[in-house]
Amino acid sequence: MNNKISSRELEYDLPENRVKQHPYINRENSKLLKVDSREIFYFKHILDILSDDAVLVLNKTTVKKRRVYGSFKDSTSTVEIFILNKINDNEIECLLKTNSKKQIGKKIIVDDIEIIITKRIKNVFYLNILNDNFKGLIDKNGKIPLPPYIEDHASKYDGYQTVFKSGGESVAAPTAGLHFTQDLLHKINKKGINTHFINLDIGLGTFSKITTEDISEHKIHKEKYHIDDTVLDSLINDKNLGKKIVTVGTSTLRALETCFSSRPYKPVGETNLFIKRGYEFKFCDGLITNFHAPKSTLLALIDAIVTDWKDVYTFAIDNEFNFLSFGDSMYIDIEKCKI
């Protein structure tokens, strides 16, 4: 039996005008596609889709300010510093974007802060902050890192955070959560639908395209997650009662599937779970998610559930749905969509 899945199977034509460049003014006014029936709703009508026995699980992570702009000392060349990791108060792990040479020992000036390149491992650089610290650098100069396909503007930063963000260290938003407002969450809870919040820190790898011919050869990124004990106990109880566990976003789904794939359960750790065709779901019953980029691991996850996803995506494009981070979403009932 040949289980090879070609990355070409995850290709589709995404028109440029379907990539939404700005967040919705009212988050609830985004569109929502019920995949199994091809019904189109506004997101504010999600209660017309969710069953009374549904349980919503959301990712509460915060997108941190991780972009800094500066210039090389004694040069007019500008440089973008994308911070991947804080090693200590003065050392950071970064990507550098510049037209100039990125040499070890070269100094970068960010306002009055001096930073030096100390080493490089492949495309990752290590920098030391010489006359300040990490907090000072971020507080004075840090910016929210918007996705590479979104034109940068400060007016978009607030729209790239969920209204329920609390803790976490992400460089990308859990975009399915961007459709919720506090008022909508209140209505959901008033109906008796439980909502639980977990954390998965979304990394830059979420934007990485699959470049291998066989997608199983693609090395997926690792992401840290944390499920509080009280939330874990509640989820176990909900599942035992036969309630439908609906995850908001692929990040939430990956965290739950990783946690409940282990015995004993693993509520805290890292996940490099690559969900692709043939995967058997252990815990989750439904998924609310945005429309994903071609040849992405996120789209491979959709391919694992929705066998006719290309028809679904064509339907969405024909009906002027918006795609990617600021775009519209879909509701997937795993049992109804997975064959």
C-alpha atoms as a PDB file:
ATOM      1  CA  MET A   1       0.000   0.000   0.000  1.00  0.00           C
ATOM      2  CA  ASN A   2       1.398   3.385  -1.010  1.00  0.00           C
ATOM      3  CA  ASN A   3       0.838   6.000   1.695  1.00  0.00           C
ATOM      4  CA  LYS A   4       2.866   8.693  -0.031  1.00  0.00           C
ATOM      5  CA  ILE A   5       1.138  12.084  -0.212  1.00  0.00           C
ATOM      6  CA  SER A   6       2.586  14.469  -2.759  1.00  0.00           C
ATOM      7  CA  SER A   7       2.868  18.113  -1.800  1.00  0.00           C
ATOM      8  CA  ARG A   8       1.381  18.865  -5.225  1.00  0.00           C
ATOM      9  CA  GLU A   9      -1.907  17.505  -3.867  1.00  0.00           C
ATOM     10  CA  LEU A  10      -1.967  20.477  -1.483  1.00  0.00           C
ATOM     11  CA  GLU A  11      -1.818  23.094  -4.236  1.00  0.00           C
ATOM     12  CA  TYR A  12      -4.644  25.364  -5.344  1.00  0.00           C
ATOM     13  CA  ASP A  13      -4.930  28.765  -6.991  1.00  0.00           C
ATOM     14  CA  LEU A  14      -5.459  31.507  -4.417  1.00  0.00           C
ATOM     15  CA  PRO A  15      -6.441  34.812  -6.071  1.00  0.00           C
ATOM     16  CA  GLU A  16      -4.556  37.760  -4.607  1.00  0.00           C
ATOM     17  CA  ASN A  17      -7.790  39.667  -3.988  1.00  0.00           C
ATOM     18  CA  ARG A  18      -9.032  36.882  -1.687  1.00  0.00           C
ATOM     19  CA  VAL A  19      -6.185  37.460   0.797  1.00  0.00           C
ATOM     20  CA  LYS A  20      -7.748  39.945   3.214  1.00  0.00           C
ATOM     21  CA  GLN A  21      -5.341  42.736   4.135  1.00  0.00           C
ATOM     22  CA  HIS A  22      -7.276  44.312   7.005  1.00  0.00           C
ATOM     23  CA  PRO A  23      -9.070  42.904  10.057  1.00  0.00           C
ATOM     24  CA  TYR A  24     -12.848  43.085  10.180  1.00  0.00           C
ATOM     25  CA  ILE A  25     -14.064  46.212  11.970  1.00  0.00           C
ATOM     26  CA  ASN A  26     -16.642  43.994  13.668  1.00  0.00           C
ATOM     27  CA  ARG A  27     -15.098  40.557  14.095  1.00  0.00           C
ATOM     28  CA  GLU A  28     -18.494  38.829  14.154  1.00  0.00           C
ATOM     29  CA  ASN A  29     -19.287  40.055  10.626  1.00  0.00           C
ATOM     30  CA  SER A  30     -16.843  37.658   9.032  1.00  0.00           C
ATOM     31  CA  LYS A  31     -18.339  34.777   7.072  1.00  0.00           C
ATOM     32  CA  LEU A  32     -18.514  31.185   8.237  1.00  0.00           C
ATOM     33  CA  LEU A  33     -18.930  28.153   5.975  1.00  0.00           C
ATOM     34  CA  LYS A  34     -20.515  24.971   7.345  1.00  0.00           C
ATOM     35  CA  VAL A  35     -18.466  22.530   5.318  1.00  0.00           C
ATOM     36  CA  ASP A  36     -20.676  19.424   5.284  1.00  0.00           C
ATOM     37  CA  SER A  37     -23.786  21.284   4.057  1.00  0.00           C
ATOM     38  CA  ARG A  38     -22.088  24.194   2.205  1.00  0.00           C
ATOM     39  CA  GLU A  39     -24.292  26.642   4.143  1.00  0.00           C
ATOM     40  CA  ILE A  40     -22.984  30.203   4.517  1.00  0.00           C
ATOM     41  CA  PHE A  41     -23.448  32.095   7.776  1.00  0.00           C
ATOM     42  CA  TYR A  42     -22.094  35.203   9.421  1.00  0.00           C
ATOM     43  CA  PHE A  43     -19.858  34.271  12.312  1.00  0.00           C
ATOM     44  CA  LYS A  44     -22.211  35.982  14.776  1.00  0.00           C
ATOM     45  CA  HIS A  45     -24.718  33.238  13.945  1.00  0.00           C
ATOM     46  CA  ILE A  46     -22.390  30.435  15.031  1.00  0.00           C
ATOM     47  CA  LEU A  47     -24.936  29.387  17.661  1.00  0.00           C
ATOM     48  CA  ASP A  48     -27.118  28.232  14.759  1.00  0.00           C
ATOM     49  CA  ILE A  49     -24.380  25.696  13.963  1.00  0.00           C
ATOM     50  CA  LEU A  50     -23.138  24.570  17.366  1.00  0.00           C
ATOM     51  CA  SER A  51     -25.167  21.812  19.000  1.00  0.00           C
ATOM     52  CA  ASP A  52     -26.267  22.115  22.624  1.00  0.00           C
ATOM     53  CA  ASP A  53     -23.775  19.417  23.624  1.00  0.00           C
ATOM     54  CA  ALA A  54     -20.815  21.251  22.036  1.00  0.00           C
ATOM     55  CA  VAL A  55     -17.768  22.326  24.032  1.00  0.00           C
ATOM     56  CA  LEU A  56     -15.522  25.060  22.630  1.00  0.00           C
ATOM     57  CA  VAL A  57     -11.768  24.997  23.252  1.00  0.00           C
ATOM     58  CA  LEU A  58      -9.786  28.132  22.364  1.00  0.00           C
ATOM     59  CA  ASN A  59      -6.119  29.143  22.326  1.00  0.00           C
ATOM     60  CA  LYS A  60      -5.566  32.131  24.623  1.00  0.00           C
ATOM     61  CA  THR A  61      -1.982  32.860  23.546  1.00  0.00           C
ATOM     62  CA  THR A  62      -0.777  36.438  23.018  1.00  0.00           C
ATOM     63  CA  VAL A  63       1.103  37.675  19.956  1.00  0.00           C
ATOM     64  CA  LYS A  64       4.183  39.363  21.350  1.00  0.00           C
ATOM     65  CA  LYS A  65       6.085  42.322  19.903  1.00  0.00           C
ATOM     66  CA  ARG A  66       8.915  40.540  18.185  1.00  0.00           C
ATOM     67  CA  ARG A  67       9.929  42.794  15.265  1.00  0.00           C
ATOM     68  CA  VAL A  68      12.491  45.560  15.666  1.00  0.00           C
ATOM     69  CA  TYR A  69      13.901  47.882  12.994  1.00  0.00           C
ATOM     70  CA  GLY A  70      17.373  49.389  13.095  1.00  0.00           C
ATOM     71  CA  SER A  71      20.417  50.119  10.986  1.00  0.00           C
ATOM     72  CA  PHE A  72      24.017  48.932  10.904  1.00  0.00           C
ATOM     73  CA  LYS A  73      26.480  51.168  12.711  1.00  0.00           C
ATOM     74  CA  ASP A  74      28.487  53.429  10.372  1.00  0.00           C
ATOM     75  CA  SER A  75      26.143  52.482   7.531  1.00  0.00           C
ATOM     76  CA  THR A  76      22.845  53.563   6.005  1.00  0.00           C
ATOM     77  CA  SER A  77      21.755  49.936   5.552  1.00  0.00           C
ATOM     78  CA  THR A  78      18.569  49.125   7.451  1.00  0.00           C
ATOM     79  CA  VAL A  79      17.878  45.790   9.131  1.00  0.00           C
ATOM     80  CA  GLU A  80      14.762  44.053  10.425  1.00  0.00           C
ATOM     81  CA  ILE A  81      15.302  41.931  13.525  1.00  0.00           C
ATOM     82  CA  PHE A  82      12.713  39.174  13.977  1.00  0.00           C
ATOM     83  CA  ILE A  83      13.125  37.770  17.475  1.00  0.00           C
ATOM     84  CA  LEU A  84      12.579  34.023  17.684  1.00  0.00           C
ATOM     85  CA  ASN A  85      13.640  33.484  21.270  1.00  0.00           C
ATOM     86  CA  LYS A  86      14.843  35.381  24.336  1.00  0.00           C
ATOM     87  CA  ILE A  87      17.844  33.489  25.688  1.00  0.00           C
ATOM     88  CA  ASN A  88      18.449  35.814  28.650  1.00  0.00           C
ATOM     89  CA  ASP A  89      18.036  39.511  29.484  1.00  0.00           C
ATOM     90  CA  ASN A  90      20.700  40.514  26.966  1.00  0.00           C
ATOM     91  CA  GLU A  91      20.879  37.724  24.385  1.00  0.00           C
ATOM     92  CA  ILE A  92      18.319  37.010  21.673  1.00  0.00           C
ATOM     93  CA  GLU A  93      17.915  34.484  18.859  1.00  0.00           C
ATOM     94  CA  CYS A  94      16.747  36.122  15.616  1.00  0.00           C
ATOM     95  CA  LEU A  95      16.245  36.212  11.916  1.00  0.00           C
ATOM     96  CA  LEU A  96      17.786  39.217  10.164  1.00  0.00           C
ATOM     97  CA  LYS A  97      16.389  40.806   7.016  1.00  0.00           C
ATOM     98  CA  THR A  98      18.675  43.282   5.247  1.00  0.00           C
ATOM     99  CA  ASN A  99      20.409  43.994   1.950  1.00  0.00           C
ATOM    100  CA  SER A 100      23.741  44.360   3.759  1.00  0.00           C
ATOM    101  CA  LYS A 101      26.196  41.624   4.781  1.00  0.00           C
ATOM    102  CA  LYS A 102      25.326  40.035   8.126  1.00  0.00           C
ATOM    103  CA  GLN A 103      28.804  39.566   9.561  1.00  0.00           C
ATOM    104  CA  ILE A 104      29.750  38.326  13.017  1.00  0.00           C
ATOM    105  CA  GLY A 105      30.865  41.272  15.143  1.00  0.00           C
ATOM    106  CA  LYS A 106      28.809  43.801  13.192  1.00  0.00           C
ATOM    107  CA  LYS A 107      26.833  46.281  15.298  1.00  0.00           C
ATOM    108  CA  ILE A 108      23.195  47.290  14.861  1.00  0.00           C
ATOM    109  CA  ILE A 109      21.781  50.550  16.208  1.00  0.00           C
ATOM    110  CA  VAL A 110      18.124  50.718  17.259  1.00  0.00           C
ATOM    111  CA  ASP A 111      17.525  54.312  18.356  1.00  0.00           C
ATOM    112  CA  ASP A 112      20.110  54.621  21.163  1.00  0.00           C
ATOM    113  CA  ILE A 113      20.424  50.873  21.770  1.00  0.00           C
ATOM    114  CA  GLU A 114      23.529  49.105  20.500  1.00  0.00           C
ATOM    115  CA  ILE A 115      23.378  45.422  19.534  1.00  0.00           C
ATOM    116  CA  ILE A 116      26.134  43.126  18.254  1.00  0.00           C
ATOM    117  CA  ILE A 117      25.928  39.984  16.109  1.00  0.00           C
ATOM    118  CA  THR A 118      27.788  37.263  18.052  1.00  0.00           C
ATOM    119  CA  LYS A 119      27.199  34.077  16.047  1.00  0.00           C
ATOM    120  CA  ARG A 120      25.183  32.430  13.308  1.00  0.00           C
ATOM    121  CA  ILE A 121      23.778  28.901  12.974  1.00  0.00           C
ATOM    122  CA  LYS A 122      22.345  28.378   9.468  1.00  0.00           C
ATOM    123  CA  ASN A 123      19.885  31.271   9.008  1.00  0.00           C
ATOM    124  CA  VAL A 124      19.498  32.002  12.732  1.00  0.00           C
ATOM    125  CA  PHE A 125      21.557  34.799  14.317  1.00  0.00           C
ATOM    126  CA  TYR A 126      22.454  35.401  17.948  1.00  0.00           C
ATOM    127  CA  LEU A 127      22.631  39.014  19.136  1.00  0.00           C
ATOM    128  CA  ASN A 128      23.800  40.648  22.356  1.00  0.00           C
ATOM    129  CA  ILE A 129      22.125  43.847  23.570  1.00  0.00           C
ATOM    130  CA  LEU A 130      25.038  45.919  24.860  1.00  0.00           C
ATOM    131  CA  ASN A 131      23.671  49.009  26.605  1.00  0.00           C
ATOM    132  CA  ASP A 132      20.114  47.989  27.473  1.00  0.00           C
ATOM    133  CA  ASN A 133      18.161  44.756  27.903  1.00  0.00           C
ATOM    134  CA  PHE A 134      15.461  42.745  26.178  1.00  0.00           C
ATOM    135  CA  LYS A 135      12.584  44.501  27.957  1.00  0.00           C
ATOM    136  CA  GLY A 136      13.964  47.934  27.113  1.00  0.00           C
ATOM    137  CA  LEU A 137      14.422  46.976  23.459  1.00  0.00           C
ATOM    138  CA  ILE A 138      10.870  45.642  23.129  1.00  0.00           C
ATOM    139  CA  ASP A 139       9.144  48.333  25.198  1.00  0.00           C
ATOM    140  CA  LYS A 140      10.739  51.136  23.177  1.00  0.00           C
ATOM    141  CA  ASN A 141      10.914  49.627  19.697  1.00  0.00           C
ATOM    142  CA  GLY A 142       9.005  46.344  19.457  1.00  0.00           C
ATOM    143  CA  LYS A 143       6.247  45.856  16.875  1.00  0.00           C
ATOM    144  CA  ILE A 144       3.675  43.102  16.335  1.00  0.00           C
ATOM    145  CA  PRO A 145       4.854  40.706  13.591  1.00  0.00           C
ATOM    146  CA  LEU A 146       2.131  40.511  10.972  1.00  0.00           C
ATOM    147  CA  PRO A 147       2.209  37.537   8.553  1.00  0.00           C
ATOM    148  CA  PRO A 148       4.441  37.869   5.466  1.00  0.00           C
ATOM    149  CA  TYR A 149       1.423  38.128   3.142  1.00  0.00           C
ATOM    150  CA  ILE A 150      -0.127  41.052   5.100  1.00  0.00           C
ATOM    151  CA  GLU A 151       1.042  44.587   4.339  1.00  0.00           C
ATOM    152  CA  ASP A 152       2.429  46.044   7.539  1.00  0.00           C
ATOM    153  CA  HIS A 153       0.628  48.916   9.256  1.00  0.00           C
ATOM    154  CA  ALA A 154       0.205  49.763  12.931  1.00  0.00           C
ATOM    155  CA  SER A 155      -3.572  50.098  12.475  1.00  0.00           C
ATOM    156  CA  LYS A 156      -3.762  46.313  12.019  1.00  0.00           C
ATOM    157  CA  TYR A 157      -1.938  45.259  15.183  1.00  0.00           C
ATOM    158  CA  ASP A 158      -4.920  45.276  17.572  1.00  0.00           C
ATOM    159  CA  GLY A 159      -6.932  43.238  15.083  1.00  0.00           C
ATOM    160  CA  TYR A 160      -4.218  40.579  15.121  1.00  0.00           C
ATOM    161  CA  GLN A 161      -4.917  39.720  18.786  1.00  0.00           C
ATOM    162  CA  THR A 162      -7.871  37.752  20.146  1.00  0.00           C
ATOM    163  CA  VAL A 163     -10.150  39.475  22.652  1.00  0.00           C
ATOM    164  CA  PHE A 164      -9.412  36.689  25.164  1.00  0.00           C
ATOM    165  CA  LYS A 165      -5.599  36.722  24.969  1.00  0.00           C
ATOM    166  CA  SER A 166      -3.943  35.909  28.279  1.00  0.00           C
ATOM    167  CA  GLY A 167      -0.295  34.948  28.617  1.00  0.00           C
ATOM    168  CA  GLY A 168       1.647  32.968  26.064  1.00  0.00           C
ATOM    169  CA  GLU A 169       4.530  33.836  23.754  1.00  0.00           C
ATOM    170  CA  SER A 170       3.421  33.617  20.127  1.00  0.00           C
ATOM    171  CA  VAL A 171       4.785  35.249  16.986  1.00  0.00           C
ATOM    172  CA  ALA A 172       1.561  34.550  15.069  1.00  0.00           C
ATOM    173  CA  ALA A 173      -2.093  34.788  16.035  1.00  0.00           C
ATOM    174  CA  PRO A 174      -4.461  31.853  16.566  1.00  0.00           C
ATOM    175  CA  THR A 175      -6.475  33.298  13.703  1.00  0.00           C
ATOM    176  CA  ALA A 176      -9.663  31.265  14.129  1.00  0.00           C
ATOM    177  CA  GLY A 177     -10.043  32.994  17.481  1.00  0.00           C
ATOM    178  CA  LEU A 178     -10.012  36.443  15.874  1.00  0.00           C
ATOM    179  CA  HIS A 179     -13.707  36.071  14.930  1.00  0.00           C
ATOM    180  CA  PHE A 180     -14.924  36.036  18.535  1.00  0.00           C
ATOM    181  CA  THR A 181     -16.059  39.066  20.531  1.00  0.00           C
ATOM    182  CA  GLN A 182     -16.702  39.187  24.260  1.00  0.00           C
ATOM    183  CA  ASP A 183     -20.400  39.635  23.521  1.00  0.00           C
ATOM    184  CA  LEU A 184     -20.453  36.511  21.353  1.00  0.00           C
ATOM    185  CA  LEU A 185     -18.599  34.497  24.007  1.00  0.00           C
ATOM    186  CA  HIS A 186     -21.185  35.674  26.552  1.00  0.00           C
ATOM    187  CA  LYS A 187     -24.023  34.462  24.299  1.00  0.00           C
ATOM    188  CA  ILE A 188     -22.291  31.116  23.812  1.00  0.00           C
ATOM    189  CA  ASN A 189     -21.918  30.623  27.566  1.00  0.00           C
ATOM    190  CA  LYS A 190     -25.481  31.786  28.180  1.00  0.00           C
ATOM    191  CA  LYS A 191     -26.691  29.007  25.880  1.00  0.00           C
ATOM    192  CA  GLY A 192     -24.920  26.535  28.167  1.00  0.00           C
ATOM    193  CA  ILE A 193     -21.991  25.745  25.900  1.00  0.00           C
ATOM    194  CA  ASN A 194     -18.808  25.363  27.928  1.00  0.00           C
ATOM    195  CA  THR A 195     -15.725  27.283  26.777  1.00  0.00           C
ATOM    196  CA  HIS A 196     -12.232  26.244  27.820  1.00  0.00           C
ATOM    197  CA  PHE A 197      -8.968  28.092  27.210  1.00  0.00           C
ATOM    198  CA  ILE A 198      -5.586  26.464  26.681  1.00  0.00           C
ATOM    199  CA  ASN A 199      -2.271  27.858  25.448  1.00  0.00           C
ATOM    200  CA  LEU A 200      -0.144  26.886  22.486  1.00  0.00           C
ATOM    201  CA  ASP A 201       2.655  29.274  21.521  1.00  0.00           C
ATOM    202  CA  ILE A 202       2.532  29.607  17.752  1.00  0.00           C
ATOM    203  CA  GLY A 203       5.933  29.854  16.113  1.00  0.00           C
ATOM    204  CA  LEU A 204       7.201  31.200  12.827  1.00  0.00           C
ATOM    205  CA  GLY A 205       7.175  27.668  11.419  1.00  0.00           C
ATOM    206  CA  THR A 206       3.424  27.934  10.974  1.00  0.00           C
ATOM    207  CA  PHE A 207       4.136  29.967   7.800  1.00  0.00           C
ATOM    208  CA  SER A 208       6.636  27.459   6.371  1.00  0.00           C
ATOM    209  CA  LYS A 209       5.616  25.841   3.104  1.00  0.00           C
ATOM    210  CA  ILE A 210       6.085  22.136   2.531  1.00  0.00           C
ATOM    211  CA  THR A 211       8.989  21.919   0.090  1.00  0.00           C
ATOM    212  CA  THR A 212       9.467  18.152  -0.054  1.00  0.00           C
ATOM    213  CA  GLU A 213       7.757  16.058  -2.730  1.00  0.00           C
ATOM    214  CA  ASP A 214       6.555  13.537  -0.134  1.00  0.00           C
ATOM    215  CA  ILE A 215       4.962  15.580   2.674  1.00  0.00           C
ATOM    216  CA  SER A 216       5.938  12.955   5.278  1.00  0.00           C
ATOM    217  CA  GLU A 217       9.557  14.041   4.716  1.00  0.00           C
ATOM    218  CA  HIS A 218       8.734  17.598   5.795  1.00  0.00           C
ATOM    219  CA  LYS A 219      10.096  18.423   9.261  1.00  0.00           C
ATOM    220  CA  ILE A 220       7.271  20.191  11.057  1.00  0.00           C
ATOM    221  CA  HIS A 221       8.023  22.843  13.676  1.00  0.00           C
ATOM    222  CA  LYS A 222       7.745  22.301  17.435  1.00  0.00           C
ATOM    223  CA  GLU A 223       5.429  24.430  19.567  1.00  0.00           C
ATOM    224  CA  LYS A 224       5.005  24.620  23.350  1.00  0.00           C
ATOM    225  CA  TYR A 225       1.558  24.081  24.841  1.00  0.00           C
ATOM    226  CA  HIS A 226      -0.001  24.132  28.300  1.00  0.00           C
ATOM    227  CA  ILE A 227      -3.386  22.862  29.495  1.00  0.00           C
ATOM    228  CA  ASP A 228      -4.257  23.771  33.086  1.00  0.00           C
ATOM    229  CA  ASP A 229      -5.224  20.872  35.375  1.00  0.00           C
ATOM    230  CA  THR A 230      -8.744  22.226  35.920  1.00  0.00           C
ATOM    231  CA  VAL A 231      -9.268  22.539  32.161  1.00  0.00           C
ATOM    232  CA  LEU A 232      -7.873  19.043  31.622  1.00  0.00           C
ATOM    233  CA  ASP A 233     -10.276  17.571  34.193  1.00  0.00           C
ATOM    234  CA  SER A 234     -13.219  19.460  32.677  1.00  0.00           C
ATOM    235  CA  LEU A 235     -12.370  18.261  29.162  1.00  0.00           C
ATOM    236  CA  ILE A 236     -12.083  14.652  30.315  1.00  0.00           C
ATOM    237  CA  ASN A 237     -15.453  14.959  32.035  1.00  0.00           C
ATOM    238  CA  ASP A 238     -17.042  16.602  28.976  1.00  0.00           C
ATOM    239  CA  LYS A 239     -15.744  13.832  26.721  1.00  0.00           C
ATOM    240  CA  ASN A 240     -16.969  11.115  29.085  1.00  0.00           C
ATOM    241  CA  LEU A 241     -20.416  12.724  29.000  1.00  0.00           C
ATOM    242  CA  GLY A 242     -20.418  12.387  25.214  1.00  0.00           C
ATOM    243  CA  LYS A 243     -20.126  16.088  24.497  1.00  0.00           C
ATOM    244  CA  LYS A 244     -18.736  17.278  21.151  1.00  0.00           C
ATOM    245  CA  ILE A 245     -15.259  18.779  21.542  1.00  0.00           C
ATOM    246  CA  VAL A 246     -14.973  21.643  19.030  1.00  0.00           C
ATOM    247  CA  THR A 247     -11.525  23.199  18.722  1.00  0.00           C
ATOM    248  CA  VAL A 248     -11.073  26.803  17.649  1.00  0.00           C
ATOM    249  CA  GLY A 249      -8.007  26.733  15.410  1.00  0.00           C
ATOM    250  CA  THR A 250      -5.497  24.148  14.272  1.00  0.00           C
ATOM    251  CA  SER A 251      -3.165  25.127  17.123  1.00  0.00           C
ATOM    252  CA  THR A 252      -5.780  24.108  19.682  1.00  0.00           C
ATOM    253  CA  LEU A 253      -6.485  20.881  17.837  1.00  0.00           C
ATOM    254  CA  ARG A 254      -2.799  19.921  17.697  1.00  0.00           C
ATOM    255  CA  ALA A 255      -2.383  20.602  21.424  1.00  0.00           C
ATOM    256  CA  LEU A 256      -5.405  18.499  22.408  1.00  0.00           C
ATOM    257  CA  GLU A 257      -4.550  15.637  20.097  1.00  0.00           C
ATOM    258  CA  THR A 258      -0.982  15.603  21.444  1.00  0.00           C
ATOM    259  CA  CYS A 259      -2.163  15.681  25.046  1.00  0.00           C
ATOM    260  CA  PHE A 260      -4.732  12.904  24.699  1.00  0.00           C
ATOM    261  CA  SER A 261      -2.614  10.649  22.484  1.00  0.00           C
ATOM    262  CA  SER A 262      -0.423   9.801  25.486  1.00  0.00           C
ATOM    263  CA  ARG A 263      -1.089   7.587  28.484  1.00  0.00           C
ATOM    264  CA  PRO A 264      -0.908   9.138  30.971  1.00  0.00           C
ATOM    265  CA  TYR A 265      -2.185  12.321  29.365  1.00  0.00           C
ATOM    266  CA  LYS A 266       0.410  14.989  28.662  1.00  0.00           C
ATOM    267  CA  PRO A 267      -1.114  18.420  29.423  1.00  0.00           C
ATOM    268  CA  VAL A 268       2.216  20.309  29.252  1.00  0.00           C
ATOM    269  CA  GLY A 269       4.981  19.952  26.709  1.00  0.00           C
ATOM    270  CA  GLU A 270       5.931  20.443  23.089  1.00  0.00           C
ATOM    271  CA  THR A 271       4.138  19.194  20.007  1.00  0.00           C
ATOM    272  CA  ASN A 272       5.515  18.431  16.588  1.00  0.00           C
ATOM    273  CA  LEU A 273       2.416  16.468  15.659  1.00  0.00           C
ATOM    274  CA  PHE A 274       1.996  16.497  11.879  1.00  0.00           C
ATOM    275  CA  ILE A 275      -1.645  15.702  11.177  1.00  0.00           C
ATOM    276  CA  LYS A 276      -2.019  14.458   7.634  1.00  0.00           C
ATOM    277  CA  ARG A 277      -4.153  12.052   5.636  1.00  0.00           C
ATOM    278  CA  GLY A 278      -4.628   8.761   7.456  1.00  0.00           C
ATOM    279  CA  TYR A 279      -4.480  10.289  10.938  1.00  0.00           C
ATOM    280  CA  GLU A 280      -7.025   8.906  13.424  1.00  0.00           C
ATOM    281  CA  PHE A 281      -8.360  11.601  15.748  1.00  0.00           C
ATOM    282  CA  LYS A 282      -8.124  10.722  19.440  1.00  0.00           C
ATOM    283  CA  PHE A 283     -10.159  13.443  21.125  1.00  0.00           C
ATOM    284  CA  CYS A 284     -11.474  16.245  18.911  1.00  0.00           C
ATOM    285  CA  ASP A 285     -14.841  16.183  17.163  1.00  0.00           C
ATOM    286  CA  GLY A 286     -15.019  19.520  15.385  1.00  0.00           C
ATOM    287  CA  LEU A 287     -12.858  22.359  14.125  1.00  0.00           C
ATOM    288  CA  ILE A 288     -13.393  26.055  13.455  1.00  0.00           C
ATOM    289  CA  THR A 289     -10.572  27.293  11.259  1.00  0.00           C
ATOM    290  CA  ASN A 290      -9.660  29.833   8.604  1.00  0.00           C
ATOM    291  CA  PHE A 291      -8.810  28.994   4.980  1.00  0.00           C
ATOM    292  CA  HIS A 292      -5.133  28.091   4.718  1.00  0.00           C
ATOM    293  CA  ALA A 293      -2.290  28.742   2.293  1.00  0.00           C
ATOM    294  CA  PRO A 294      -1.343  26.223  -0.419  1.00  0.00           C
ATOM    295  CA  LYS A 295       1.241  23.556   0.462  1.00  0.00           C
ATOM    296  CA  SER A 296       1.092  24.314   4.190  1.00  0.00           C
ATOM    297  CA  THR A 297       1.008  21.867   7.090  1.00  0.00           C
ATOM    298  CA  LEU A 298      -2.268  23.528   8.104  1.00  0.00           C
ATOM    299  CA  LEU A 299      -3.813  22.601   4.768  1.00  0.00           C
ATOM    300  CA  ALA A 300      -2.448  19.053   5.173  1.00  0.00           C
ATOM    301  CA  LEU A 301      -4.492  18.898   8.387  1.00  0.00           C
ATOM    302  CA  ILE A 302      -7.624  19.938   6.481  1.00  0.00           C
ATOM    303  CA  ASP A 303      -6.824  17.304   3.849  1.00  0.00           C
ATOM    304  CA  ALA A 304      -6.780  14.728   6.661  1.00  0.00           C
ATOM    305  CA  ILE A 305     -10.438  15.503   7.431  1.00  0.00           C
ATOM    306  CA  VAL A 306     -12.146  16.928   4.360  1.00  0.00           C
ATOM    307  CA  THR A 307     -11.628  14.613   1.409  1.00  0.00           C
ATOM    308  CA  ASP A 308     -13.131  17.103  -1.051  1.00  0.00           C
ATOM    309  CA  TRP A 309     -11.409  20.173   0.388  1.00  0.00           C
ATOM    310  CA  LYS A 310     -10.521  21.475  -3.079  1.00  0.00           C
ATOM    311  CA  ASP A 311     -14.214  21.665  -3.923  1.00  0.00           C
ATOM    312  CA  VAL A 312     -14.816  23.421  -0.600  1.00  0.00           C
ATOM    313  CA  TYR A 313     -12.077  25.970  -1.287  1.00  0.00           C
ATOM    314  CA  THR A 314     -13.352  26.555  -4.842  1.00  0.00           C
ATOM    315  CA  PHE A 315     -16.852  27.061  -3.426  1.00  0.00           C
ATOM    316  CA  ALA A 316     -15.468  29.571  -0.916  1.00  0.00           C
ATOM    317  CA  ILE A 317     -13.560  31.513  -3.594  1.00  0.00           C
ATOM    318  CA  ASP A 318     -16.611  31.561  -5.888  1.00  0.00           C
ATOM    319  CA  ASN A 319     -18.678  32.933  -2.982  1.00  0.00           C
ATOM    320  CA  GLU A 320     -16.096  35.628  -2.218  1.00  0.00           C
ATOM    321  CA  PHE A 321     -14.843  34.285   1.085  1.00  0.00           C
ATOM    322  CA  ASN A 322     -11.671  35.923   2.357  1.00  0.00           C
ATOM    323  CA  PHE A 323      -8.653  33.729   3.047  1.00  0.00           C
ATOM    324  CA  LEU A 324      -5.736  33.468   5.503  1.00  0.00           C
ATOM    325  CA  SER A 325      -5.200  35.352   8.769  1.00  0.00           C
ATOM    326  CA  PHE A 326      -7.721  38.221   8.518  1.00  0.00           C
ATOM    327  CA  GLY A 327     -10.095  36.141   6.401  1.00  0.00           C
ATOM    328  CA  ASP A 328     -13.254  34.132   6.957  1.00  0.00           C
ATOM    329  CA  SER A 329     -13.637  30.719   8.534  1.00  0.00           C
ATOM    330  CA  MET A 330     -15.290  27.336   8.252  1.00  0.00           C
ATOM    331  CA  TYR A 331     -16.855  24.845  10.632  1.00  0.00           C
ATOM    332  CA  ILE A 332     -15.807  21.226  10.145  1.00  0.00           C
ATOM    333  CA  ASP A 333     -17.646  18.337  11.787  1.00  0.00           C
ATOM    334  CA  ILE A 334     -14.918  15.695  11.738  1.00  0.00           C
ATOM    335  CA  GLU A 335     -17.274  12.704  11.739  1.00  0.00           C
ATOM    336  CA  LYS A 336     -19.406  14.098   8.917  1.00  0.00           C
ATOM    337  CA  CYS A 337     -16.483  15.228   6.759  1.00  0.00           C
ATOM    338  CA  LYS A 338     -13.953  12.443   7.323  1.00  0.00           C
ATOM    339  CA  ILE A 339     -14.300   9.269   5.286  1.00  0.00           C
END
